[in-house]
């Protein structure tokens, strides 16, 4: 089974580095983007299997990026990260196809388990 690709989109460098380390050590090919423009370029060129997407990004916000990702490839799984209790935005993100969300500061192990579940379920579904 080829390595799954995870794209981390967050304007905070520290969060991107932390998540890159976690998911690289899980054996995923990781990509990172600090804004929507770079994120969508990576989605187009590298076709990640899963995107961890921050809701609040200067410029193009998370919901806008999510819409574009789903237009490019509706099969890409998206998990939102949010720093606020933005329930209306979270609901809209779910309506747009996000699988779930994590509120910052999130539990890194919970996120790791969630990503592994999404990507391993995917692999099992393709094998059966």
C-alpha atoms as a PDB file:
ATOM      1  CA  UNK A   1       0.000   0.000   0.000  1.00  0.00           C
ATOM      2  CA  UNK A   2       1.460   3.322  -1.018  1.00  0.00           C
ATOM      3  CA  UNK A   3       1.884   6.026   1.580  1.00  0.00           C
ATOM      4  CA  UNK A   4      -1.147   8.173   2.175  1.00  0.00           C
ATOM      5  CA  UNK A   5      -0.734  11.920   1.822  1.00  0.00           C
ATOM      6  CA  UNK A   6      -1.760  14.391   4.518  1.00  0.00           C
ATOM      7  CA  UNK A   7      -1.859  18.146   3.920  1.00  0.00           C
ATOM      8  CA  UNK A   8      -1.740  20.463   6.939  1.00  0.00           C
ATOM      9  CA  UNK A   9      -3.151  23.946   6.389  1.00  0.00           C
ATOM     10  CA  UNK A  10      -2.647  26.431   9.222  1.00  0.00           C
ATOM     11  CA  UNK A  11      -1.229  29.950   9.371  1.00  0.00           C
ATOM     12  CA  UNK A  12       0.576  29.071  12.634  1.00  0.00           C
ATOM     13  CA  UNK A  13       4.000  27.677  11.857  1.00  0.00           C
ATOM     14  CA  UNK A  14       4.297  25.849  15.196  1.00  0.00           C
ATOM     15  CA  UNK A  15       1.107  23.883  14.621  1.00  0.00           C
ATOM     16  CA  UNK A  16       2.157  22.938  11.088  1.00  0.00           C
ATOM     17  CA  UNK A  17       5.557  21.708  12.301  1.00  0.00           C
ATOM     18  CA  UNK A  18       4.024  19.723  15.180  1.00  0.00           C
ATOM     19  CA  UNK A  19       1.448  18.029  12.942  1.00  0.00           C
ATOM     20  CA  UNK A  20       4.021  17.374  10.191  1.00  0.00           C
ATOM     21  CA  UNK A  21       6.208  15.563  12.757  1.00  0.00           C
ATOM     22  CA  UNK A  22       3.298  13.538  14.155  1.00  0.00           C
ATOM     23  CA  UNK A  23       2.005  12.389  10.770  1.00  0.00           C
ATOM     24  CA  UNK A  24       5.436  11.825   9.222  1.00  0.00           C
ATOM     25  CA  UNK A  25       6.231   9.505  12.133  1.00  0.00           C
ATOM     26  CA  UNK A  26       2.965   7.657  11.396  1.00  0.00           C
ATOM     27  CA  UNK A  27       4.335   6.956   7.918  1.00  0.00           C
ATOM     28  CA  UNK A  28       2.331   9.501   5.913  1.00  0.00           C
ATOM     29  CA  UNK A  29       3.712  11.784   3.228  1.00  0.00           C
ATOM     30  CA  UNK A  30       3.046  15.216   4.710  1.00  0.00           C
ATOM     31  CA  UNK A  31       2.635  18.565   3.028  1.00  0.00           C
ATOM     32  CA  UNK A  32       2.058  21.949   4.605  1.00  0.00           C
ATOM     33  CA  UNK A  33       0.559  25.254   3.581  1.00  0.00           C
ATOM     34  CA  UNK A  34       0.302  28.548   5.452  1.00  0.00           C
ATOM     35  CA  UNK A  35      -2.545  29.891   3.313  1.00  0.00           C
ATOM     36  CA  UNK A  36      -5.322  28.918   0.942  1.00  0.00           C
ATOM     37  CA  UNK A  37      -3.450  29.680  -2.257  1.00  0.00           C
ATOM     38  CA  UNK A  38      -0.576  27.318  -1.422  1.00  0.00           C
ATOM     39  CA  UNK A  39      -3.009  24.717  -0.040  1.00  0.00           C
ATOM     40  CA  UNK A  40      -4.981  24.597  -3.292  1.00  0.00           C
ATOM     41  CA  UNK A  41      -1.793  24.384  -5.370  1.00  0.00           C
ATOM     42  CA  UNK A  42      -0.782  21.315  -3.316  1.00  0.00           C
ATOM     43  CA  UNK A  43      -4.277  19.814  -3.622  1.00  0.00           C
ATOM     44  CA  UNK A  44      -4.034  20.207  -7.410  1.00  0.00           C
ATOM     45  CA  UNK A  45      -0.505  18.887  -7.783  1.00  0.00           C
ATOM     46  CA  UNK A  46      -0.223  16.224  -5.087  1.00  0.00           C
ATOM     47  CA  UNK A  47      -3.823  15.111  -4.491  1.00  0.00           C
ATOM     48  CA  UNK A  48      -3.632  14.547  -0.699  1.00  0.00           C
ATOM     49  CA  UNK A  49      -5.857  11.839   0.804  1.00  0.00           C
ATOM     50  CA  UNK A  50      -6.687  13.959   3.841  1.00  0.00           C
ATOM     51  CA  UNK A  51      -6.457  17.663   4.694  1.00  0.00           C
ATOM     52  CA  UNK A  52      -6.231  19.072   8.228  1.00  0.00           C
ATOM     53  CA  UNK A  53      -7.637  22.534   7.694  1.00  0.00           C
ATOM     54  CA  UNK A  54      -7.659  25.468  10.087  1.00  0.00           C
ATOM     55  CA  UNK A  55     -10.917  27.425  10.084  1.00  0.00           C
ATOM     56  CA  UNK A  56      -9.336  30.841  10.637  1.00  0.00           C
ATOM     57  CA  UNK A  57      -6.727  31.616   7.997  1.00  0.00           C
ATOM     58  CA  UNK A  58      -5.980  35.181   6.870  1.00  0.00           C
ATOM     59  CA  UNK A  59      -7.057  35.820   3.293  1.00  0.00           C
ATOM     60  CA  UNK A  60      -9.087  32.822   2.173  1.00  0.00           C
ATOM     61  CA  UNK A  61     -10.806  31.323   5.240  1.00  0.00           C
ATOM     62  CA  UNK A  62     -11.185  27.630   5.984  1.00  0.00           C
ATOM     63  CA  UNK A  63     -14.722  27.357   4.598  1.00  0.00           C
ATOM     64  CA  UNK A  64     -13.660  28.898   1.298  1.00  0.00           C
ATOM     65  CA  UNK A  65     -10.630  26.590   1.076  1.00  0.00           C
ATOM     66  CA  UNK A  66     -12.877  23.610   1.924  1.00  0.00           C
ATOM     67  CA  UNK A  67     -15.278  24.526  -0.931  1.00  0.00           C
ATOM     68  CA  UNK A  68     -12.371  24.693  -3.390  1.00  0.00           C
ATOM     69  CA  UNK A  69     -10.865  21.377  -2.190  1.00  0.00           C
ATOM     70  CA  UNK A  70     -14.215  19.626  -2.671  1.00  0.00           C
ATOM     71  CA  UNK A  71     -14.566  21.179  -6.163  1.00  0.00           C
ATOM     72  CA  UNK A  72     -11.118  19.853  -7.112  1.00  0.00           C
ATOM     73  CA  UNK A  73     -11.736  16.378  -5.688  1.00  0.00           C
ATOM     74  CA  UNK A  74     -14.818  15.495  -3.614  1.00  0.00           C
ATOM     75  CA  UNK A  75     -13.086  12.334  -2.315  1.00  0.00           C
ATOM     76  CA  UNK A  76     -10.412  14.214  -0.372  1.00  0.00           C
ATOM     77  CA  UNK A  77     -11.186  13.856   3.344  1.00  0.00           C
ATOM     78  CA  UNK A  78     -11.125  17.094   5.341  1.00  0.00           C
ATOM     79  CA  UNK A  79     -10.872  17.537   9.116  1.00  0.00           C
ATOM     80  CA  UNK A  80     -11.325  21.100  10.394  1.00  0.00           C
ATOM     81  CA  UNK A  81      -9.348  22.713  13.205  1.00  0.00           C
ATOM     82  CA  UNK A  82     -10.893  25.649  15.019  1.00  0.00           C
ATOM     83  CA  UNK A  83      -9.799  27.894  17.861  1.00  0.00           C
ATOM     84  CA  UNK A  84     -13.304  29.039  18.716  1.00  0.00           C
ATOM     85  CA  UNK A  85     -16.701  27.622  19.473  1.00  0.00           C
ATOM     86  CA  UNK A  86     -17.857  28.702  16.019  1.00  0.00           C
ATOM     87  CA  UNK A  87     -20.784  26.349  15.858  1.00  0.00           C
ATOM     88  CA  UNK A  88     -22.368  27.998  12.826  1.00  0.00           C
ATOM     89  CA  UNK A  89     -19.093  27.733  10.888  1.00  0.00           C
ATOM     90  CA  UNK A  90     -18.578  24.145  12.028  1.00  0.00           C
ATOM     91  CA  UNK A  91     -22.093  23.272  10.871  1.00  0.00           C
ATOM     92  CA  UNK A  92     -21.428  24.914   7.510  1.00  0.00           C
ATOM     93  CA  UNK A  93     -18.103  23.050   7.221  1.00  0.00           C
ATOM     94  CA  UNK A  94     -19.912  19.750   7.893  1.00  0.00           C
ATOM     95  CA  UNK A  95     -22.546  20.661   5.285  1.00  0.00           C
ATOM     96  CA  UNK A  96     -19.708  21.310   2.823  1.00  0.00           C
ATOM     97  CA  UNK A  97     -18.271  17.868   3.468  1.00  0.00           C
ATOM     98  CA  UNK A  98     -15.843  18.162   6.400  1.00  0.00           C
ATOM     99  CA  UNK A  99     -15.755  14.908   8.379  1.00  0.00           C
ATOM    100  CA  UNK A 100     -15.202  16.332  11.860  1.00  0.00           C
ATOM    101  CA  UNK A 101     -13.502  19.143  13.713  1.00  0.00           C
ATOM    102  CA  UNK A 102     -11.001  19.569  16.511  1.00  0.00           C
ATOM    103  CA  UNK A 103     -11.030  22.603  18.776  1.00  0.00           C
ATOM    104  CA  UNK A 104      -7.647  24.088  19.621  1.00  0.00           C
ATOM    105  CA  UNK A 105      -5.789  23.331  21.752  1.00  0.00           C
ATOM    106  CA  UNK A 106      -6.558  19.820  20.545  1.00  0.00           C
ATOM    107  CA  UNK A 107      -5.353  16.529  21.923  1.00  0.00           C
ATOM    108  CA  UNK A 108      -2.702  15.424  19.458  1.00  0.00           C
ATOM    109  CA  UNK A 109      -3.321  11.731  20.149  1.00  0.00           C
ATOM    110  CA  UNK A 110      -7.037  12.083  19.480  1.00  0.00           C
ATOM    111  CA  UNK A 111      -6.248  13.747  16.175  1.00  0.00           C
ATOM    112  CA  UNK A 112      -3.698  11.047  15.298  1.00  0.00           C
ATOM    113  CA  UNK A 113      -6.262   8.316  16.012  1.00  0.00           C
ATOM    114  CA  UNK A 114      -8.927  10.127  13.951  1.00  0.00           C
ATOM    115  CA  UNK A 115      -6.618  10.557  10.946  1.00  0.00           C
ATOM    116  CA  UNK A 116      -5.423   6.944  11.147  1.00  0.00           C
ATOM    117  CA  UNK A 117      -9.019   5.755  11.319  1.00  0.00           C
ATOM    118  CA  UNK A 118     -10.031   7.792   8.273  1.00  0.00           C
ATOM    119  CA  UNK A 119      -7.053   6.713   6.187  1.00  0.00           C
ATOM    120  CA  UNK A 120      -6.956   3.073   7.255  1.00  0.00           C
ATOM    121  CA  UNK A 121     -10.709   2.641   6.739  1.00  0.00           C
ATOM    122  CA  UNK A 122     -10.108   4.030   3.290  1.00  0.00           C
ATOM    123  CA  UNK A 123      -7.432   1.431   2.604  1.00  0.00           C
ATOM    124  CA  UNK A 124      -9.618  -1.415   3.885  1.00  0.00           C
ATOM    125  CA  UNK A 125     -12.523  -0.305   1.730  1.00  0.00           C
ATOM    126  CA  UNK A 126     -10.332  -0.293  -1.375  1.00  0.00           C
ATOM    127  CA  UNK A 127      -8.932  -3.772  -0.614  1.00  0.00           C
ATOM    128  CA  UNK A 128     -12.229  -5.540  -0.035  1.00  0.00           C
END
